[in-house]
Amino acid sequence: MTPLDPLLFGEIDPPQRLLMGPGPVNAHPRVLRAMAADLLGQFDPEMTGYMNQVMALYRPIFGTQNPWTMLIDGTARAGIEAALVSLVAPGDTVLVIDFGRFGLLLREILTRIGAVIETVDAPWGEVVPMEAVAAAIARTGPRIVACVHGDTSTTMAQPLDGLGDLCRAAGALCYVDATATIGGMEIAADRWGVDVVTGGLQKCLGGPSGSAPITISDRAADHIFARRHTEAGIRSADSVDGAGPRIASNYFDLAMIMDYWSDKRLNHHTEAASMLYAARECARVMLGEGLEARYARHAAAGRAMSAGLRAMGLTLFGDDIHRMTNVTGVFIPDGVDNDRVRAAMRDHFEIEIGTAFGPLQGRIWRIGAMGYNAMKHKVLITLGALEACLLREGFTLPPGAGVPAALEAWDA
């Protein structure tokens, strides 16, 4: 085989697109700069110091005092899978609060684990009332209750106040996937009383995909450590295994990962240093802005996007009361070609907006404004570009109405 010329493909030089879909979004420049820092060995005291800093930085972001607040190396789904495979043993009953594609993902992962899956459901575009959750817990007696906070497939955010109380009263642990909301909507792990929450960097936190922040309550930590079985090659003389069943994944074994992040510094895997730098800077940017200011900015961006779309004569998807602040679903008008509009947005304006999944495929666009992109001018540019592309498609709309409506709504 003839070897490839190393200059054949050239240096990577991606187009400077404005990512206004449901994620990923453009990373904050500070995060990109942090990722370019020199690598360190995983047990270098500077590196372990950065790990401890990350743990401290993410506690207020998760709304918790949990000591076990850290990172899982991998995309947001790595955090989801680590949580579920470490909490759930084959045969455990798990109640899934299911209102979109990512509720179905929880069920998919749990099926592979061998859980007994029960569900309490809402149609796409709605959320599950807490009374229905309470009834389902009483009916099924779950070991674990699993829920998505904000499901970008439907753009809905599930209310979670009171969920932890219901779980504790039933003797159940509670897991929440906050991938789509962490950094943009309040995460209140302690107030909600939930046991494990996971997230990702690539949406409201304004970083790249590849690191999954996680927080674990002491109650959940005890449950996980009861399943600890340290692998033979890294066992020490004082290693003590738990009485519970071995966690089925080695890479996603939270008992060993927690020992890695603890003072034990168990040699479980090589920490993804550049991603840790990114996660650390995402948190520093967020805390520097201030939590309330951060959430208010995302709310303003979502409010402006919704107002602008409505002023253009478009119809929003889903329940207004429970709409996520950072992603807005909008029906594709009859007679408008979904793919052609998205291509025109990309080709003429270098803007990406999202399509949809499952029953909503080809029916709605999902337009995000989150993290580094939850800015007034980026919302206005997106609305102006969408108006131009719709006009090219022959869709009749009030010219110039979207941007002024968004401007007014931003400050409302």
Protein backbone atom coordinates (compact mmCIF):
# COMPACT_ATOMS: atom_id res chain seq x y z
CA MET A 1 0.00 0.00 0.00
CA THR A 2 1.34 3.43 -0.96
CA PRO A 3 1.79 5.58 2.17
CA LEU A 4 -0.30 8.74 2.37
CA ASP A 5 1.43 12.07 1.94
CA PRO A 6 1.26 13.63 5.45
CA LEU A 7 0.45 16.98 3.81
CA LEU A 8 -2.38 15.53 1.72
CA PHE A 9 -5.26 16.67 3.90
CA GLY A 10 -3.76 19.86 5.24
CA GLU A 11 -4.09 21.34 8.70
CA ILE A 12 -7.55 21.23 10.27
CA ASP A 13 -9.30 24.54 9.60
CA PRO A 14 -13.03 24.14 10.31
CA PRO A 15 -15.45 26.87 9.22
CA GLN A 16 -16.37 29.40 11.90
CA ARG A 17 -19.98 28.29 12.29
CA LEU A 18 -22.39 29.67 14.86
CA LEU A 19 -23.82 26.56 16.52
CA MET A 20 -27.41 27.46 17.45
CA GLY A 21 -28.81 23.95 17.58
CA PRO A 22 -29.59 21.86 20.67
CA GLY A 23 -25.87 21.21 21.26
CA PRO A 24 -22.98 21.15 20.93
CA VAL A 25 -22.41 24.89 20.96
CA ASN A 26 -19.34 27.04 20.37
CA ALA A 27 -16.87 26.67 23.23
CA HIS A 28 -15.86 29.74 25.22
CA PRO A 29 -12.44 31.03 24.06
CA ARG A 30 -11.10 30.75 27.61
CA VAL A 31 -11.97 27.06 27.60
CA LEU A 32 -10.19 26.50 24.29
CA ARG A 33 -7.11 28.30 25.61
CA ALA A 34 -7.13 26.18 28.77
CA MET A 35 -7.16 23.02 26.67
CA ALA A 36 -3.89 24.06 25.02
CA ALA A 37 -1.99 23.99 28.35
CA ASP A 38 0.81 21.47 28.84
CA LEU A 39 -0.11 17.95 29.87
CA LEU A 40 0.83 16.57 33.28
CA GLY A 41 1.17 13.08 34.67
CA GLN A 42 -1.95 11.84 36.42
CA PHE A 43 -0.29 11.74 39.85
CA ASP A 44 1.69 14.94 39.52
CA PRO A 45 0.83 17.05 42.59
CA GLU A 46 -0.17 19.93 40.30
CA MET A 47 -2.58 17.60 38.48
CA THR A 48 -4.14 16.17 41.63
CA GLY A 49 -4.45 19.74 42.86
CA TYR A 50 -6.41 20.62 39.72
CA MET A 51 -8.62 17.59 40.34
CA ASN A 52 -9.40 18.83 43.85
CA GLN A 53 -10.16 22.29 42.45
CA VAL A 54 -12.60 20.80 39.95
CA MET A 55 -14.42 19.03 42.77
CA ALA A 56 -14.79 22.32 44.66
CA LEU A 57 -15.80 24.30 41.56
CA TYR A 58 -18.64 21.99 40.56
CA ARG A 59 -20.34 21.75 43.95
CA PRO A 60 -22.10 25.14 43.66
CA ILE A 61 -22.92 24.42 40.01
CA PHE A 62 -24.69 21.21 41.06
CA GLY A 63 -26.25 22.96 44.06
CA THR A 64 -24.69 20.51 46.50
CA GLN A 65 -22.29 19.96 49.35
CA ASN A 66 -21.56 16.39 48.20
CA PRO A 67 -17.86 15.53 48.68
CA TRP A 68 -18.19 13.11 45.75
CA THR A 69 -18.38 15.70 42.98
CA MET A 70 -15.98 15.04 40.12
CA LEU A 71 -15.65 14.16 36.40
CA ILE A 72 -16.18 11.05 34.32
CA ASP A 73 -13.86 10.92 31.31
CA GLY A 74 -16.10 10.66 28.25
CA THR A 75 -19.07 12.43 26.74
CA ALA A 76 -22.21 13.19 28.72
CA ARG A 77 -23.48 9.70 27.95
CA ALA A 78 -20.45 8.28 29.78
CA GLY A 79 -21.72 9.98 32.92
CA ILE A 80 -25.22 8.58 32.39
CA GLU A 81 -23.94 5.06 31.87
CA ALA A 82 -21.51 5.24 34.81
CA ALA A 83 -24.33 6.35 37.10
CA LEU A 84 -26.79 3.69 35.99
CA VAL A 85 -24.39 0.74 35.78
CA SER A 86 -23.01 1.57 39.23
CA LEU A 87 -26.39 2.14 40.91
CA VAL A 88 -28.40 -0.62 39.25
CA ALA A 89 -27.76 -4.36 39.48
CA PRO A 90 -29.47 -6.92 37.25
CA GLY A 91 -32.99 -7.55 38.51
CA ASP A 92 -33.36 -4.21 40.29
CA THR A 93 -36.62 -2.38 39.62
CA VAL A 94 -36.07 1.07 38.14
CA LEU A 95 -38.82 3.63 37.55
CA VAL A 96 -38.05 5.88 34.56
CA ILE A 97 -39.78 9.25 34.26
CA ASP A 98 -40.11 9.28 30.48
CA PHE A 99 -41.14 12.30 28.41
CA GLY A 100 -38.81 12.23 25.40
CA ARG A 101 -35.94 10.63 23.50
CA PHE A 102 -33.55 10.72 26.45
CA GLY A 103 -36.02 9.00 28.75
CA LEU A 104 -35.96 6.27 26.12
CA LEU A 105 -32.15 6.33 26.33
CA LEU A 106 -32.31 5.64 30.07
CA ARG A 107 -34.54 2.67 29.31
CA GLU A 108 -32.10 1.45 26.64
CA ILE A 109 -29.15 1.50 29.04
CA LEU A 110 -31.19 -0.12 31.81
CA THR A 111 -32.30 -2.90 29.46
CA ARG A 112 -28.65 -3.71 28.77
CA ILE A 113 -27.96 -3.79 32.53
CA GLY A 114 -30.82 -6.24 33.05
CA ALA A 115 -33.02 -4.03 35.19
CA VAL A 116 -36.75 -4.48 35.63
CA ILE A 117 -38.02 -1.28 34.02
CA GLU A 118 -41.20 0.54 34.99
CA THR A 119 -42.22 3.87 33.49
CA VAL A 120 -44.38 6.87 34.17
CA ASP A 121 -44.86 8.74 30.92
CA ALA A 122 -45.96 12.01 29.38
CA PRO A 123 -46.54 12.78 25.69
CA TRP A 124 -43.65 14.51 23.94
CA GLY A 125 -44.07 18.22 24.60
CA GLU A 126 -45.36 17.76 28.16
CA VAL A 127 -43.86 16.76 31.51
CA VAL A 128 -44.92 14.23 34.14
CA PRO A 129 -46.91 15.68 37.08
CA MET A 130 -45.34 14.95 40.45
CA GLU A 131 -48.61 13.32 41.59
CA ALA A 132 -48.23 10.79 38.77
CA VAL A 133 -44.62 10.14 39.83
CA ALA A 134 -45.78 9.57 43.42
CA ALA A 135 -48.45 7.13 42.27
CA ALA A 136 -45.95 5.25 40.09
CA ILE A 137 -43.46 4.95 42.97
CA ALA A 138 -46.22 3.57 45.21
CA ARG A 139 -47.30 1.16 42.47
CA THR A 140 -43.87 -0.19 41.47
CA GLY A 141 -41.71 0.00 44.62
CA PRO A 142 -38.53 0.85 42.69
CA ARG A 143 -34.95 0.52 43.91
CA ILE A 144 -33.99 3.49 41.71
CA VAL A 145 -35.94 6.36 40.13
CA ALA A 146 -34.29 7.78 36.98
CA CYS A 147 -35.18 11.00 35.21
CA VAL A 148 -33.94 13.52 32.65
CA HIS A 149 -34.11 17.14 33.83
CA GLY A 150 -34.25 18.85 30.44
CA ASP A 151 -34.92 16.69 27.37
CA THR A 152 -33.64 18.51 24.30
CA SER A 153 -35.67 16.22 22.02
CA THR A 154 -38.87 17.87 23.27
CA THR A 155 -37.35 21.09 24.75
CA MET A 156 -39.20 20.41 28.02
CA ALA A 157 -37.79 20.64 31.57
CA GLN A 158 -39.20 18.27 34.18
CA PRO A 159 -39.89 19.92 37.58
CA LEU A 160 -37.93 18.07 40.27
CA ASP A 161 -38.81 19.77 43.57
CA GLY A 162 -40.15 17.07 45.88
CA LEU A 163 -38.80 14.13 43.89
CA GLY A 164 -36.12 13.29 46.44
CA ASP A 165 -38.64 13.25 49.30
CA LEU A 166 -40.80 10.77 47.39
CA CYS A 167 -37.80 8.54 46.73
CA ARG A 168 -36.53 8.59 50.30
CA ALA A 169 -39.97 7.81 51.68
CA ALA A 170 -40.02 4.74 49.42
CA GLY A 171 -36.42 3.73 50.22
CA ALA A 172 -35.34 4.42 46.64
CA LEU A 173 -32.30 6.20 45.24
CA CYS A 174 -32.78 8.90 42.61
CA TYR A 175 -30.72 9.64 39.47
CA VAL A 176 -31.07 12.76 37.27
CA ASP A 177 -29.50 13.39 33.87
CA ALA A 178 -28.90 17.16 33.66
CA THR A 179 -26.79 17.14 30.49
CA ALA A 180 -28.92 19.71 28.70
CA THR A 181 -29.53 22.10 31.61
CA ILE A 182 -26.40 22.24 33.76
CA GLY A 183 -24.89 25.70 33.44
CA GLY A 184 -28.07 27.27 32.04
CA MET A 185 -30.88 26.34 34.42
CA GLU A 186 -30.64 25.90 38.17
CA ILE A 187 -29.44 22.49 39.32
CA ALA A 188 -30.38 21.99 42.97
CA ALA A 189 -29.23 18.49 43.87
CA ASP A 190 -29.44 19.04 47.63
CA ARG A 191 -32.75 20.91 47.60
CA TRP A 192 -34.30 18.36 45.24
CA GLY A 193 -32.93 15.58 47.46
CA VAL A 194 -31.66 13.57 44.49
CA ASP A 195 -28.73 11.22 44.90
CA VAL A 196 -26.78 11.31 41.63
CA VAL A 197 -26.77 14.02 38.95
CA THR A 198 -24.68 13.96 35.77
CA GLY A 199 -24.01 16.57 33.10
CA GLY A 200 -21.89 17.44 30.10
CA LEU A 201 -19.78 20.38 28.99
CA GLN A 202 -21.04 20.83 25.44
CA LYS A 203 -24.26 22.72 26.05
CA CYS A 204 -24.86 25.45 28.65
CA LEU A 205 -21.41 25.06 30.23
CA GLY A 206 -19.86 26.26 26.96
CA GLY A 207 -17.19 23.62 26.50
CA PRO A 208 -16.40 20.71 24.19
CA SER A 209 -17.98 17.30 24.48
CA GLY A 210 -15.76 14.81 26.28
CA SER A 211 -16.12 15.27 30.04
CA ALA A 212 -19.11 14.47 32.24
CA PRO A 213 -19.41 16.23 35.62
CA ILE A 214 -21.13 14.12 38.27
CA THR A 215 -22.20 14.53 41.88
CA ILE A 216 -23.01 11.63 44.22
CA SER A 217 -24.71 11.81 47.60
CA ASP A 218 -23.27 10.02 50.62
CA ARG A 219 -26.29 7.72 50.53
CA ALA A 220 -25.58 6.75 46.93
CA ALA A 221 -21.85 6.47 47.64
CA ASP A 222 -22.55 3.89 50.35
CA HIS A 223 -24.70 1.93 47.90
CA ILE A 224 -21.96 2.06 45.23
CA PHE A 225 -19.13 1.14 47.62
CA ALA A 226 -21.15 -1.89 48.73
CA ARG A 227 -20.51 -3.12 45.15
CA ARG A 228 -16.77 -2.31 45.16
CA HIS A 229 -14.57 -5.03 43.61
CA THR A 230 -11.16 -3.56 42.84
CA GLU A 231 -9.45 -5.15 39.84
CA ALA A 232 -6.57 -7.51 40.58
CA GLY A 233 -3.80 -5.52 38.94
CA ILE A 234 -4.31 -2.43 41.10
CA ARG A 235 -5.34 -3.98 44.41
CA SER A 236 -3.41 -3.03 47.52
CA ALA A 237 -2.97 -5.09 50.68
CA ASP A 238 -5.72 -3.12 52.42
CA SER A 239 -8.27 -3.32 49.56
CA VAL A 240 -11.70 -4.32 50.84
CA ASP A 241 -14.43 -5.46 48.45
CA GLY A 242 -18.11 -4.90 49.04
CA ALA A 243 -20.66 -7.63 49.59
CA GLY A 244 -22.81 -6.54 46.65
CA PRO A 245 -22.66 -7.68 43.03
CA ARG A 246 -19.69 -6.49 40.99
CA ILE A 247 -20.41 -3.42 38.85
CA ALA A 248 -20.67 -4.75 35.29
CA SER A 249 -18.39 -2.17 33.63
CA ASN A 250 -14.74 -1.65 34.47
CA TYR A 251 -14.35 1.76 32.83
CA PHE A 252 -17.62 3.09 34.28
CA ASP A 253 -17.18 1.53 37.73
CA LEU A 254 -17.91 4.49 39.99
CA ALA A 255 -16.52 2.71 43.05
CA MET A 256 -13.08 2.59 41.44
CA ILE A 257 -13.41 6.04 39.85
CA MET A 258 -14.30 7.53 43.24
CA ASP A 259 -11.23 5.86 44.73
CA TYR A 260 -9.22 7.44 41.90
CA TRP A 261 -10.51 10.92 42.81
CA SER A 262 -10.05 10.32 46.55
CA ASP A 263 -6.84 10.56 48.55
CA LYS A 264 -6.24 6.91 47.60
CA ARG A 265 -5.50 8.01 43.99
CA LEU A 266 -6.30 4.52 42.71
CA ASN A 267 -4.65 4.01 39.32
CA HIS A 268 -7.93 3.28 37.52
CA HIS A 269 -7.32 5.07 34.22
CA THR A 270 -5.25 7.92 32.81
CA GLU A 271 -7.11 11.14 33.44
CA ALA A 272 -8.00 13.09 30.29
CA ALA A 273 -5.93 16.11 31.29
CA SER A 274 -6.98 18.50 28.51
CA MET A 275 -10.66 17.76 29.19
CA LEU A 276 -10.13 18.31 32.91
CA TYR A 277 -8.60 21.70 32.07
CA ALA A 278 -11.67 22.43 29.93
CA ALA A 279 -14.11 21.42 32.66
CA ARG A 280 -12.22 23.48 35.21
CA GLU A 281 -12.35 26.59 32.99
CA CYS A 282 -16.04 26.07 32.16
CA ALA A 283 -16.76 26.18 35.89
CA ARG A 284 -14.50 29.20 36.48
CA VAL A 285 -16.25 31.13 33.70
CA MET A 286 -19.67 30.25 35.10
CA LEU A 287 -18.89 31.07 38.73
CA GLY A 288 -17.16 34.28 37.65
CA GLU A 289 -20.35 35.37 35.91
CA GLY A 290 -22.45 34.38 38.93
CA LEU A 291 -25.08 31.67 39.06
CA GLU A 292 -28.12 33.96 39.12
CA ALA A 293 -26.76 36.15 36.33
CA ARG A 294 -25.97 33.06 34.29
CA TYR A 295 -29.49 31.65 34.65
CA ALA A 296 -31.03 35.06 33.92
CA ARG A 297 -28.98 35.36 30.71
CA HIS A 298 -30.19 31.97 29.48
CA ALA A 299 -33.78 32.86 30.39
CA ALA A 300 -33.48 36.13 28.46
CA ALA A 301 -32.07 34.33 25.44
CA GLY A 302 -34.85 31.74 25.45
CA ARG A 303 -37.50 34.41 25.95
CA ALA A 304 -36.11 36.48 23.07
CA MET A 305 -35.86 33.47 20.75
CA SER A 306 -39.44 32.46 21.48
CA ALA A 307 -40.77 35.99 20.97
CA GLY A 308 -38.87 36.44 17.73
CA LEU A 309 -40.08 33.15 16.28
CA ARG A 310 -43.69 33.92 17.19
CA ALA A 311 -43.44 37.39 15.68
CA MET A 312 -42.38 35.75 12.42
CA GLY A 313 -45.68 33.85 12.36
CA LEU A 314 -44.20 30.53 13.51
CA THR A 315 -45.73 28.19 16.08
CA LEU A 316 -43.70 26.91 19.01
CA PHE A 317 -43.78 23.27 20.05
CA GLY A 318 -44.70 22.12 23.54
CA ASP A 319 -45.87 23.45 26.86
CA ASP A 320 -44.83 27.08 27.45
CA ILE A 321 -44.79 26.68 31.23
CA HIS A 322 -42.18 23.90 31.18
CA ARG A 323 -40.08 24.99 28.21
CA MET A 324 -36.31 24.81 28.73
CA THR A 325 -34.72 28.26 28.69
CA ASN A 326 -31.92 27.19 26.36
CA VAL A 327 -33.61 25.26 23.53
CA THR A 328 -36.78 26.24 21.65
CA GLY A 329 -38.78 23.90 19.43
CA VAL A 330 -40.65 25.46 16.51
CA PHE A 331 -42.90 23.78 13.95
CA ILE A 332 -41.61 23.73 10.39
CA PRO A 333 -44.26 25.55 8.32
CA ASP A 334 -46.28 23.55 5.81
CA GLY A 335 -44.70 23.64 2.39
CA VAL A 336 -41.24 24.59 3.72
CA ASP A 337 -38.40 22.17 3.03
CA ASN A 338 -36.67 21.38 6.35
CA ASP A 339 -33.35 20.30 4.88
CA ARG A 340 -33.17 23.15 2.37
CA VAL A 341 -33.71 25.81 5.05
CA ARG A 342 -31.09 24.28 7.34
CA ALA A 343 -28.65 24.03 4.45
CA ALA A 344 -29.31 27.67 3.52
CA MET A 345 -28.72 28.75 7.13
CA ARG A 346 -25.39 26.92 7.07
CA ASP A 347 -24.28 27.83 3.54
CA HIS A 348 -25.26 31.52 3.48
CA PHE A 349 -24.96 32.51 7.16
CA GLU A 350 -22.67 29.85 8.72
CA ILE A 351 -25.38 29.10 11.29
CA GLU A 352 -26.43 25.62 12.39
CA ILE A 353 -29.90 24.90 13.77
CA GLY A 354 -31.16 21.45 14.72
CA THR A 355 -33.74 19.05 13.44
CA ALA A 356 -35.59 16.50 15.61
CA PHE A 357 -35.93 12.81 16.47
CA GLY A 358 -38.61 10.13 16.54
CA PRO A 359 -42.20 11.37 16.24
CA LEU A 360 -40.96 14.94 15.78
CA GLN A 361 -38.52 14.17 12.95
CA GLY A 362 -39.18 16.52 10.06
CA ARG A 363 -41.84 18.38 12.08
CA ILE A 364 -39.86 20.82 14.20
CA TRP A 365 -36.58 22.69 14.30
CA ARG A 366 -34.76 22.96 17.62
CA ILE A 367 -32.95 26.26 18.05
CA GLY A 368 -30.59 26.65 20.97
CA ALA A 369 -29.12 29.68 22.72
CA MET A 370 -26.85 28.39 25.46
CA GLY A 371 -23.48 28.81 27.07
CA TYR A 372 -21.22 31.12 25.05
CA ASN A 373 -24.03 31.45 22.48
CA ALA A 374 -26.75 32.67 24.86
CA MET A 375 -26.02 36.25 23.80
CA LYS A 376 -28.36 38.90 22.49
CA HIS A 377 -26.56 39.48 19.21
CA LYS A 378 -26.34 35.76 18.43
CA VAL A 379 -30.07 35.33 18.98
CA LEU A 380 -30.81 38.32 16.74
CA ILE A 381 -28.44 37.15 13.99
CA THR A 382 -30.06 33.70 14.02
CA LEU A 383 -33.58 35.11 13.79
CA GLY A 384 -32.61 37.46 10.96
CA ALA A 385 -30.97 34.63 9.03
CA LEU A 386 -33.95 32.32 9.52
CA GLU A 387 -36.31 35.04 8.25
CA ALA A 388 -34.22 35.46 5.10
CA CYS A 389 -34.13 31.69 4.48
CA LEU A 390 -37.89 31.34 4.99
CA LEU A 391 -38.57 34.19 2.59
CA ARG A 392 -36.40 32.44 -0.01
CA GLU A 393 -38.62 29.38 0.45
CA GLY A 394 -41.70 31.48 -0.34
CA PHE A 395 -43.05 31.47 3.22
CA THR A 396 -45.14 34.54 3.90
CA LEU A 397 -44.18 36.33 7.10
CA PRO A 398 -44.20 39.90 8.39
CA PRO A 399 -40.78 41.16 7.21
CA GLY A 400 -38.51 42.45 9.94
CA ALA A 401 -40.82 41.50 12.81
CA GLY A 402 -38.70 38.86 14.53
CA VAL A 403 -35.67 40.88 15.56
CA PRO A 404 -37.55 43.82 17.18
CA ALA A 405 -39.78 41.38 19.09
CA ALA A 406 -36.72 39.53 20.36
CA LEU A 407 -35.05 42.77 21.41
CA GLU A 408 -38.11 43.78 23.41
CA ALA A 409 -38.42 40.35 25.02
CA TRP A 410 -34.75 40.20 26.04
CA ASP A 411 -35.25 43.01 28.55
CA ALA A 412 -38.78 42.06 29.59
